[in-house]
Amino acid sequence: MNLNELRELIRDYTHGCSQAEVNKRLQEGKFEKEGLLEMLCHKDPTRSMAMHGMNKIMPISKDENVPTFSLNLFEKALLGLFALQAMCWLFFEKNWYYVVEYTAVAFFLLASKYLAVYLDKKAEQQVEMAEKNKPKTEYVIMREGKKVKVEESELVVGDIIYLKAGIRIPVDGILLDGNSLTVNEAAMLGQPQYAIKRPFDKIKDENACTLLLSHTNIINGCGWMIAVSIGEKTSGYAKQ
């Protein structure tokens, strides 16, 4: 089972694929721990970072869609029409009343437009400030044979991350080792009951699986997971 197939399996799990089906597909794909570690460049985080990047989510660009573009085009055409009408009344009819009227309407249209732009910019600045002041979460990972602490945004594919009760899972991945984990996946799957997670070689029934989803919370247990999908490729980002 290659990396793309593993990521596809994680996506299918978030869209309703059962734990029994997950275990079956892992078994059919000849999933094994050593092959996974080698595939994800576990021993070479620099290479992994170059290939997959870091666990950062870029802000969503506000490109103009068709309705927004059409509305802006309509506003410009309307302002141009008002300007043309005002010039006609000024040069041909010599009537200042209509010139002032059209100018006032154009002024209020422009003022409302710039007010909307100002409020949008203010909201973006407040969101950026909130993100900047948010307390940073650090995770204990195994990197190049050593235990180190890194921030969530510094995680890369192939990092082995320590999990324990109370921790929010930062990336999509596979449970490699540890006790049975109890995970609250309601935020991702909408299921009220907690899910049981075990390493793949310790799964004995269909009531447990080895996949771990970002933005879910550890309720009980501890263990080590390996990061498979990070940043914008995680299931948690896709659900936003």
C-alpha atoms as a PDB file:
ATOM      1  CA  MET A   1       0.000   0.000   0.000  1.00  0.00           C
ATOM      2  CA  ASN A   2       1.546   3.302  -1.103  1.00  0.00           C
ATOM      3  CA  LEU A   3       1.118   6.763   0.438  1.00  0.00           C
ATOM      4  CA  ASN A   4      -1.673   7.889  -1.892  1.00  0.00           C
ATOM      5  CA  GLU A   5      -3.669   4.711  -1.240  1.00  0.00           C
ATOM      6  CA  LEU A   6      -3.235   5.209   2.507  1.00  0.00           C
ATOM      7  CA  ARG A   7      -4.446   8.815   2.299  1.00  0.00           C
ATOM      8  CA  GLU A   8      -7.399   7.723   0.192  1.00  0.00           C
ATOM      9  CA  LEU A   9      -8.271   5.152   2.849  1.00  0.00           C
ATOM     10  CA  ILE A  10      -8.231   7.870   5.518  1.00  0.00           C
ATOM     11  CA  ARG A  11     -10.545  10.038   3.372  1.00  0.00           C
ATOM     12  CA  ASP A  12     -12.903   7.093   2.873  1.00  0.00           C
ATOM     13  CA  TYR A  13     -12.946   6.498   6.635  1.00  0.00           C
ATOM     14  CA  THR A  14     -14.051  10.086   7.228  1.00  0.00           C
ATOM     15  CA  HIS A  15     -16.853   9.571   4.676  1.00  0.00           C
ATOM     16  CA  GLY A  16     -18.362   6.518   6.346  1.00  0.00           C
ATOM     17  CA  CYS A  17     -16.073   3.571   5.610  1.00  0.00           C
ATOM     18  CA  SER A  18     -16.379   1.163   8.560  1.00  0.00           C
ATOM     19  CA  GLN A  19     -13.476   0.098  10.776  1.00  0.00           C
ATOM     20  CA  ALA A  20     -13.909  -3.477   9.563  1.00  0.00           C
ATOM     21  CA  GLU A  21     -13.563  -2.318   5.941  1.00  0.00           C
ATOM     22  CA  VAL A  22     -10.485  -0.251   6.867  1.00  0.00           C
ATOM     23  CA  ASN A  23      -8.822  -3.308   8.439  1.00  0.00           C
ATOM     24  CA  LYS A  24      -9.699  -5.435   5.419  1.00  0.00           C
ATOM     25  CA  ARG A  25      -8.197  -2.961   2.944  1.00  0.00           C
ATOM     26  CA  LEU A  26      -5.037  -2.608   5.047  1.00  0.00           C
ATOM     27  CA  GLN A  27      -4.664  -6.367   5.103  1.00  0.00           C
ATOM     28  CA  GLU A  28      -5.254  -6.673   1.356  1.00  0.00           C
ATOM     29  CA  GLY A  29      -2.718  -3.913   0.757  1.00  0.00           C
ATOM     30  CA  LYS A  30      -0.110  -5.894   2.736  1.00  0.00           C
ATOM     31  CA  PHE A  31       0.276  -3.070   5.210  1.00  0.00           C
ATOM     32  CA  GLU A  32       3.276  -3.400   7.527  1.00  0.00           C
ATOM     33  CA  LYS A  33       4.990  -1.114  10.007  1.00  0.00           C
ATOM     34  CA  GLU A  34       8.526  -1.274   8.587  1.00  0.00           C
ATOM     35  CA  GLY A  35       7.361  -0.548   5.050  1.00  0.00           C
ATOM     36  CA  LEU A  36       5.370   2.438   6.299  1.00  0.00           C
ATOM     37  CA  LEU A  37       8.380   3.912   8.130  1.00  0.00           C
ATOM     38  CA  GLU A  38      10.550   3.603   5.027  1.00  0.00           C
ATOM     39  CA  MET A  39       7.862   5.038   2.724  1.00  0.00           C
ATOM     40  CA  LEU A  40       7.362   8.126   4.909  1.00  0.00           C
ATOM     41  CA  CYS A  41      11.087   8.946   5.159  1.00  0.00           C
ATOM     42  CA  HIS A  42      10.963   8.588   8.931  1.00  0.00           C
ATOM     43  CA  LYS A  43      14.756   8.703   9.285  1.00  0.00           C
ATOM     44  CA  ASP A  44      15.171  11.758   7.045  1.00  0.00           C
ATOM     45  CA  PRO A  45      12.858  14.622   8.161  1.00  0.00           C
ATOM     46  CA  THR A  46      14.693  17.108   5.916  1.00  0.00           C
ATOM     47  CA  ARG A  47      13.837  15.062   2.846  1.00  0.00           C
ATOM     48  CA  SER A  48      10.272  14.598   4.078  1.00  0.00           C
ATOM     49  CA  MET A  49       9.927  18.360   4.583  1.00  0.00           C
ATOM     50  CA  ALA A  50      11.164  18.995   1.039  1.00  0.00           C
ATOM     51  CA  MET A  51       8.691  16.482  -0.386  1.00  0.00           C
ATOM     52  CA  HIS A  52       5.587  17.193   1.698  1.00  0.00           C
ATOM     53  CA  GLY A  53       6.150  20.538   3.424  1.00  0.00           C
ATOM     54  CA  MET A  54       5.252  21.292   7.049  1.00  0.00           C
ATOM     55  CA  ASN A  55       2.015  21.195   8.994  1.00  0.00           C
ATOM     56  CA  LYS A  56       0.965  24.718   8.021  1.00  0.00           C
ATOM     57  CA  ILE A  57      -2.356  25.816   6.553  1.00  0.00           C
ATOM     58  CA  MET A  58      -2.219  28.735   4.163  1.00  0.00           C
ATOM     59  CA  PRO A  59      -5.013  31.307   4.448  1.00  0.00           C
ATOM     60  CA  ILE A  60      -7.791  30.792   1.952  1.00  0.00           C
ATOM     61  CA  SER A  61      -7.410  33.279  -0.879  1.00  0.00           C
ATOM     62  CA  LYS A  62     -10.364  35.513  -1.564  1.00  0.00           C
ATOM     63  CA  ASP A  63     -10.402  35.264  -5.338  1.00  0.00           C
ATOM     64  CA  GLU A  64     -13.404  36.805  -7.018  1.00  0.00           C
ATOM     65  CA  ASN A  65     -16.054  34.271  -7.966  1.00  0.00           C
ATOM     66  CA  VAL A  66     -18.526  34.822 -10.820  1.00  0.00           C
ATOM     67  CA  PRO A  67     -21.306  36.510  -8.749  1.00  0.00           C
ATOM     68  CA  THR A  68     -18.806  38.882  -7.054  1.00  0.00           C
ATOM     69  CA  PHE A  69     -17.149  39.743 -10.371  1.00  0.00           C
ATOM     70  CA  SER A  70     -20.556  40.402 -11.984  1.00  0.00           C
ATOM     71  CA  LEU A  71     -21.615  42.631  -9.094  1.00  0.00           C
ATOM     72  CA  ASN A  72     -18.405  44.678  -9.282  1.00  0.00           C
ATOM     73  CA  LEU A  73     -18.788  45.018 -13.045  1.00  0.00           C
ATOM     74  CA  PHE A  74     -22.396  46.180 -12.599  1.00  0.00           C
ATOM     75  CA  GLU A  75     -21.329  48.774 -10.020  1.00  0.00           C
ATOM     76  CA  LYS A  76     -18.661  50.166 -12.340  1.00  0.00           C
ATOM     77  CA  ALA A  77     -21.091  50.320 -15.263  1.00  0.00           C
ATOM     78  CA  LEU A  78     -23.696  52.060 -13.095  1.00  0.00           C
ATOM     79  CA  LEU A  79     -21.180  54.649 -11.898  1.00  0.00           C
ATOM     80  CA  GLY A  80     -20.072  55.245 -15.469  1.00  0.00           C
ATOM     81  CA  LEU A  81     -23.688  55.736 -16.543  1.00  0.00           C
ATOM     82  CA  PHE A  82     -24.271  58.245 -13.734  1.00  0.00           C
ATOM     83  CA  ALA A  83     -21.141  60.155 -14.751  1.00  0.00           C
ATOM     84  CA  LEU A  84     -22.267  60.218 -18.408  1.00  0.00           C
ATOM     85  CA  GLN A  85     -25.768  61.408 -17.452  1.00  0.00           C
ATOM     86  CA  ALA A  86     -24.344  64.149 -15.220  1.00  0.00           C
ATOM     87  CA  MET A  87     -22.074  65.393 -18.023  1.00  0.00           C
ATOM     88  CA  CYS A  88     -24.977  65.420 -20.463  1.00  0.00           C
ATOM     89  CA  TRP A  89     -27.130  67.467 -18.106  1.00  0.00           C
ATOM     90  CA  LEU A  90     -24.237  69.840 -17.420  1.00  0.00           C
ATOM     91  CA  PHE A  91     -23.094  70.519 -20.989  1.00  0.00           C
ATOM     92  CA  PHE A  92     -26.352  70.207 -22.933  1.00  0.00           C
ATOM     93  CA  GLU A  93     -29.182  71.004 -20.542  1.00  0.00           C
ATOM     94  CA  LYS A  94     -27.262  73.388 -18.270  1.00  0.00           C
ATOM     95  CA  ASN A  95     -29.188  71.977 -15.306  1.00  0.00           C
ATOM     96  CA  TRP A  96     -27.152  71.738 -12.115  1.00  0.00           C
ATOM     97  CA  TYR A  97     -29.947  70.041 -10.164  1.00  0.00           C
ATOM     98  CA  TYR A  98     -29.568  66.710 -11.970  1.00  0.00           C
ATOM     99  CA  VAL A  99     -25.783  66.964 -11.879  1.00  0.00           C
ATOM    100  CA  VAL A 100     -25.853  67.242  -8.076  1.00  0.00           C
ATOM    101  CA  GLU A 101     -28.419  64.426  -7.837  1.00  0.00           C
ATOM    102  CA  TYR A 102     -26.397  61.964  -9.909  1.00  0.00           C
ATOM    103  CA  THR A 103     -23.187  62.961  -8.133  1.00  0.00           C
ATOM    104  CA  ALA A 104     -24.787  62.328  -4.725  1.00  0.00           C
ATOM    105  CA  VAL A 105     -26.002  58.863  -5.760  1.00  0.00           C
ATOM    106  CA  ALA A 106     -22.551  57.967  -7.105  1.00  0.00           C
ATOM    107  CA  PHE A 107     -20.941  59.239  -3.905  1.00  0.00           C
ATOM    108  CA  PHE A 108     -23.138  57.059  -1.677  1.00  0.00           C
ATOM    109  CA  LEU A 109     -22.484  53.994  -3.836  1.00  0.00           C
ATOM    110  CA  LEU A 110     -18.725  54.526  -3.587  1.00  0.00           C
ATOM    111  CA  ALA A 111     -18.934  55.232   0.151  1.00  0.00           C
ATOM    112  CA  SER A 112     -20.842  51.991   0.804  1.00  0.00           C
ATOM    113  CA  LYS A 113     -18.321  50.055  -1.285  1.00  0.00           C
ATOM    114  CA  TYR A 114     -15.303  51.427   0.581  1.00  0.00           C
ATOM    115  CA  LEU A 115     -17.024  50.894   3.930  1.00  0.00           C
ATOM    116  CA  ALA A 116     -17.542  47.206   3.086  1.00  0.00           C
ATOM    117  CA  VAL A 117     -13.871  46.873   2.085  1.00  0.00           C
ATOM    118  CA  TYR A 118     -12.763  48.566   5.317  1.00  0.00           C
ATOM    119  CA  LEU A 119     -14.909  46.274   7.495  1.00  0.00           C
ATOM    120  CA  ASP A 120     -13.591  43.162   5.693  1.00  0.00           C
ATOM    121  CA  LYS A 121     -10.006  44.309   6.227  1.00  0.00           C
ATOM    122  CA  LYS A 122     -10.700  45.011   9.907  1.00  0.00           C
ATOM    123  CA  ALA A 123     -12.183  41.532  10.384  1.00  0.00           C
ATOM    124  CA  GLU A 124      -9.136  39.915   8.722  1.00  0.00           C
ATOM    125  CA  GLN A 125      -6.797  41.831  11.030  1.00  0.00           C
ATOM    126  CA  GLN A 126      -8.748  40.692  14.101  1.00  0.00           C
ATOM    127  CA  VAL A 127      -8.589  37.053  12.965  1.00  0.00           C
ATOM    128  CA  GLU A 128      -4.826  37.349  12.335  1.00  0.00           C
ATOM    129  CA  MET A 129      -4.335  38.902  15.774  1.00  0.00           C
ATOM    130  CA  ALA A 130      -6.334  36.119  17.433  1.00  0.00           C
ATOM    131  CA  GLU A 131      -4.235  33.481  15.641  1.00  0.00           C
ATOM    132  CA  LYS A 132      -1.018  35.245  16.674  1.00  0.00           C
ATOM    133  CA  ASN A 133      -2.059  35.436  20.346  1.00  0.00           C
ATOM    134  CA  LYS A 134      -3.351  31.853  20.485  1.00  0.00           C
ATOM    135  CA  PRO A 135      -1.207  29.695  22.805  1.00  0.00           C
ATOM    136  CA  LYS A 136       1.114  27.439  20.827  1.00  0.00           C
ATOM    137  CA  THR A 137       0.728  23.683  21.242  1.00  0.00           C
ATOM    138  CA  GLU A 138       3.882  21.581  21.466  1.00  0.00           C
ATOM    139  CA  TYR A 139       4.144  17.842  20.804  1.00  0.00           C
ATOM    140  CA  VAL A 140       6.752  15.304  21.859  1.00  0.00           C
ATOM    141  CA  ILE A 141       8.087  13.496  18.792  1.00  0.00           C
ATOM    142  CA  MET A 142      10.832  11.051  17.891  1.00  0.00           C
ATOM    143  CA  ARG A 143      13.075  12.641  15.267  1.00  0.00           C
ATOM    144  CA  GLU A 144      16.418  11.161  14.219  1.00  0.00           C
ATOM    145  CA  GLY A 145      16.347   8.837  17.222  1.00  0.00           C
ATOM    146  CA  LYS A 146      15.812  11.595  19.801  1.00  0.00           C
ATOM    147  CA  LYS A 147      12.800  12.862  21.714  1.00  0.00           C
ATOM    148  CA  VAL A 148      12.218  16.528  20.944  1.00  0.00           C
ATOM    149  CA  LYS A 149       9.405  19.038  21.421  1.00  0.00           C
ATOM    150  CA  VAL A 150       8.120  20.870  18.363  1.00  0.00           C
ATOM    151  CA  GLU A 151       5.201  23.162  17.675  1.00  0.00           C
ATOM    152  CA  GLU A 152       2.228  21.817  15.755  1.00  0.00           C
ATOM    153  CA  SER A 153       3.164  23.853  12.657  1.00  0.00           C
ATOM    154  CA  GLU A 154       6.627  22.221  12.579  1.00  0.00           C
ATOM    155  CA  LEU A 155       5.403  18.636  12.208  1.00  0.00           C
ATOM    156  CA  VAL A 156       6.296  16.849   8.981  1.00  0.00           C
ATOM    157  CA  VAL A 157       5.212  13.618   7.299  1.00  0.00           C
ATOM    158  CA  GLY A 158       6.986  10.706   8.967  1.00  0.00           C
ATOM    159  CA  ASP A 159       7.257  12.284  12.427  1.00  0.00           C
ATOM    160  CA  ILE A 160       6.453   9.843  15.227  1.00  0.00           C
ATOM    161  CA  ILE A 161       4.242  11.727  17.687  1.00  0.00           C
ATOM    162  CA  TYR A 162       3.502  10.848  21.297  1.00  0.00           C
ATOM    163  CA  LEU A 163      -0.192  10.813  22.206  1.00  0.00           C
ATOM    164  CA  LYS A 164      -1.847  10.732  25.610  1.00  0.00           C
ATOM    165  CA  ALA A 165      -5.210  11.529  27.178  1.00  0.00           C
ATOM    166  CA  GLY A 166      -6.253  15.150  26.721  1.00  0.00           C
ATOM    167  CA  ILE A 167      -4.241  15.739  23.536  1.00  0.00           C
ATOM    168  CA  ARG A 168      -5.825  16.824  20.253  1.00  0.00           C
ATOM    169  CA  ILE A 169      -4.447  14.798  17.366  1.00  0.00           C
ATOM    170  CA  PRO A 170      -2.697  17.312  15.085  1.00  0.00           C
ATOM    171  CA  VAL A 171      -2.419  15.316  11.837  1.00  0.00           C
ATOM    172  CA  ASP A 172      -3.798  12.243  10.090  1.00  0.00           C
ATOM    173  CA  GLY A 173      -1.790   9.129  10.781  1.00  0.00           C
ATOM    174  CA  ILE A 174      -1.396   5.542  11.917  1.00  0.00           C
ATOM    175  CA  LEU A 175      -1.078   4.253  15.482  1.00  0.00           C
ATOM    176  CA  LEU A 176       2.261   2.439  15.646  1.00  0.00           C
ATOM    177  CA  ASP A 177       2.606   1.392  19.254  1.00  0.00           C
ATOM    178  CA  GLY A 178       1.022   1.768  22.673  1.00  0.00           C
ATOM    179  CA  ASN A 179      -2.020   0.892  24.703  1.00  0.00           C
ATOM    180  CA  SER A 180      -5.496   0.930  23.242  1.00  0.00           C
ATOM    181  CA  LEU A 181      -6.543   4.525  22.671  1.00  0.00           C
ATOM    182  CA  THR A 182     -10.061   5.814  23.177  1.00  0.00           C
ATOM    183  CA  VAL A 183     -10.676   8.655  20.735  1.00  0.00           C
ATOM    184  CA  ASN A 184     -13.569  11.081  20.402  1.00  0.00           C
ATOM    185  CA  GLU A 185     -14.150  11.337  16.636  1.00  0.00           C
ATOM    186  CA  ALA A 186     -17.506  13.127  16.839  1.00  0.00           C
ATOM    187  CA  ALA A 187     -16.046  16.320  15.332  1.00  0.00           C
ATOM    188  CA  MET A 188     -15.012  14.404  12.210  1.00  0.00           C
ATOM    189  CA  LEU A 189     -17.461  11.522  11.854  1.00  0.00           C
ATOM    190  CA  GLY A 190     -20.459  12.790  13.801  1.00  0.00           C
ATOM    191  CA  GLN A 191     -20.666   9.557  15.797  1.00  0.00           C
ATOM    192  CA  PRO A 192     -21.439   9.986  19.511  1.00  0.00           C
ATOM    193  CA  GLN A 193     -19.639   6.833  20.664  1.00  0.00           C
ATOM    194  CA  TYR A 194     -15.882   6.797  21.191  1.00  0.00           C
ATOM    195  CA  ALA A 195     -13.625   4.853  18.811  1.00  0.00           C
ATOM    196  CA  ILE A 196     -11.031   2.289  19.919  1.00  0.00           C
ATOM    197  CA  LYS A 197      -7.603   2.499  18.282  1.00  0.00           C
ATOM    198  CA  ARG A 198      -4.925  -0.187  18.327  1.00  0.00           C
ATOM    199  CA  PRO A 199      -1.714  -0.849  16.393  1.00  0.00           C
ATOM    200  CA  PHE A 200      -2.533  -2.820  13.248  1.00  0.00           C
ATOM    201  CA  ASP A 201      -0.727  -5.969  14.394  1.00  0.00           C
ATOM    202  CA  LYS A 202      -2.762  -5.999  17.642  1.00  0.00           C
ATOM    203  CA  ILE A 203      -6.243  -5.686  16.135  1.00  0.00           C
ATOM    204  CA  LYS A 204      -8.264  -8.787  16.961  1.00  0.00           C
ATOM    205  CA  ASP A 205     -11.800  -7.698  15.997  1.00  0.00           C
ATOM    206  CA  GLU A 206     -13.710  -5.235  13.815  1.00  0.00           C
ATOM    207  CA  ASN A 207     -14.430  -2.871  16.722  1.00  0.00           C
ATOM    208  CA  ALA A 208     -11.012  -1.213  16.498  1.00  0.00           C
ATOM    209  CA  CYS A 209      -8.815   0.232  13.778  1.00  0.00           C
ATOM    210  CA  THR A 210      -5.418   1.891  13.490  1.00  0.00           C
ATOM    211  CA  LEU A 211      -6.289   5.129  11.646  1.00  0.00           C
ATOM    212  CA  LEU A 212      -6.091   8.417  13.543  1.00  0.00           C
ATOM    213  CA  LEU A 213      -7.749  11.621  12.306  1.00  0.00           C
ATOM    214  CA  SER A 214      -6.640  15.194  12.861  1.00  0.00           C
ATOM    215  CA  HIS A 215      -8.868  17.445  15.017  1.00  0.00           C
ATOM    216  CA  THR A 216     -10.004  14.503  17.151  1.00  0.00           C
ATOM    217  CA  ASN A 217      -9.276  14.136  20.880  1.00  0.00           C
ATOM    218  CA  ILE A 218      -7.637  11.391  22.942  1.00  0.00           C
ATOM    219  CA  ILE A 219      -9.947  10.434  25.825  1.00  0.00           C
ATOM    220  CA  ASN A 220      -7.926   7.592  27.313  1.00  0.00           C
ATOM    221  CA  GLY A 221      -4.684   5.698  26.737  1.00  0.00           C
ATOM    222  CA  CYS A 222      -1.318   6.629  25.279  1.00  0.00           C
ATOM    223  CA  GLY A 223       0.869   5.646  22.366  1.00  0.00           C
ATOM    224  CA  TRP A 224       2.907   6.702  19.352  1.00  0.00           C
ATOM    225  CA  MET A 225       1.524   7.595  15.926  1.00  0.00           C
ATOM    226  CA  ILE A 226       3.226   8.365  12.633  1.00  0.00           C
ATOM    227  CA  ALA A 227       2.123  11.381  10.573  1.00  0.00           C
ATOM    228  CA  VAL A 228       0.740  10.462   7.146  1.00  0.00           C
ATOM    229  CA  SER A 229      -1.077  13.659   6.059  1.00  0.00           C
ATOM    230  CA  ILE A 230      -0.325  17.185   7.275  1.00  0.00           C
ATOM    231  CA  GLY A 231      -1.593  20.716   6.732  1.00  0.00           C
ATOM    232  CA  GLU A 232      -4.122  21.158   3.953  1.00  0.00           C
ATOM    233  CA  LYS A 233      -4.055  17.432   3.119  1.00  0.00           C
ATOM    234  CA  THR A 234      -5.524  16.390   6.469  1.00  0.00           C
ATOM    235  CA  SER A 235      -9.111  15.244   6.887  1.00  0.00           C
ATOM    236  CA  GLY A 236      -9.627  18.004   9.462  1.00  0.00           C
ATOM    237  CA  TYR A 237      -8.822  20.708   6.896  1.00  0.00           C
ATOM    238  CA  ALA A 238     -11.152  19.124   4.341  1.00  0.00           C
ATOM    239  CA  LYS A 239     -14.026  19.220   6.860  1.00  0.00           C
ATOM    240  CA  GLN A 240     -13.669  22.973   7.487  1.00  0.00           C
END
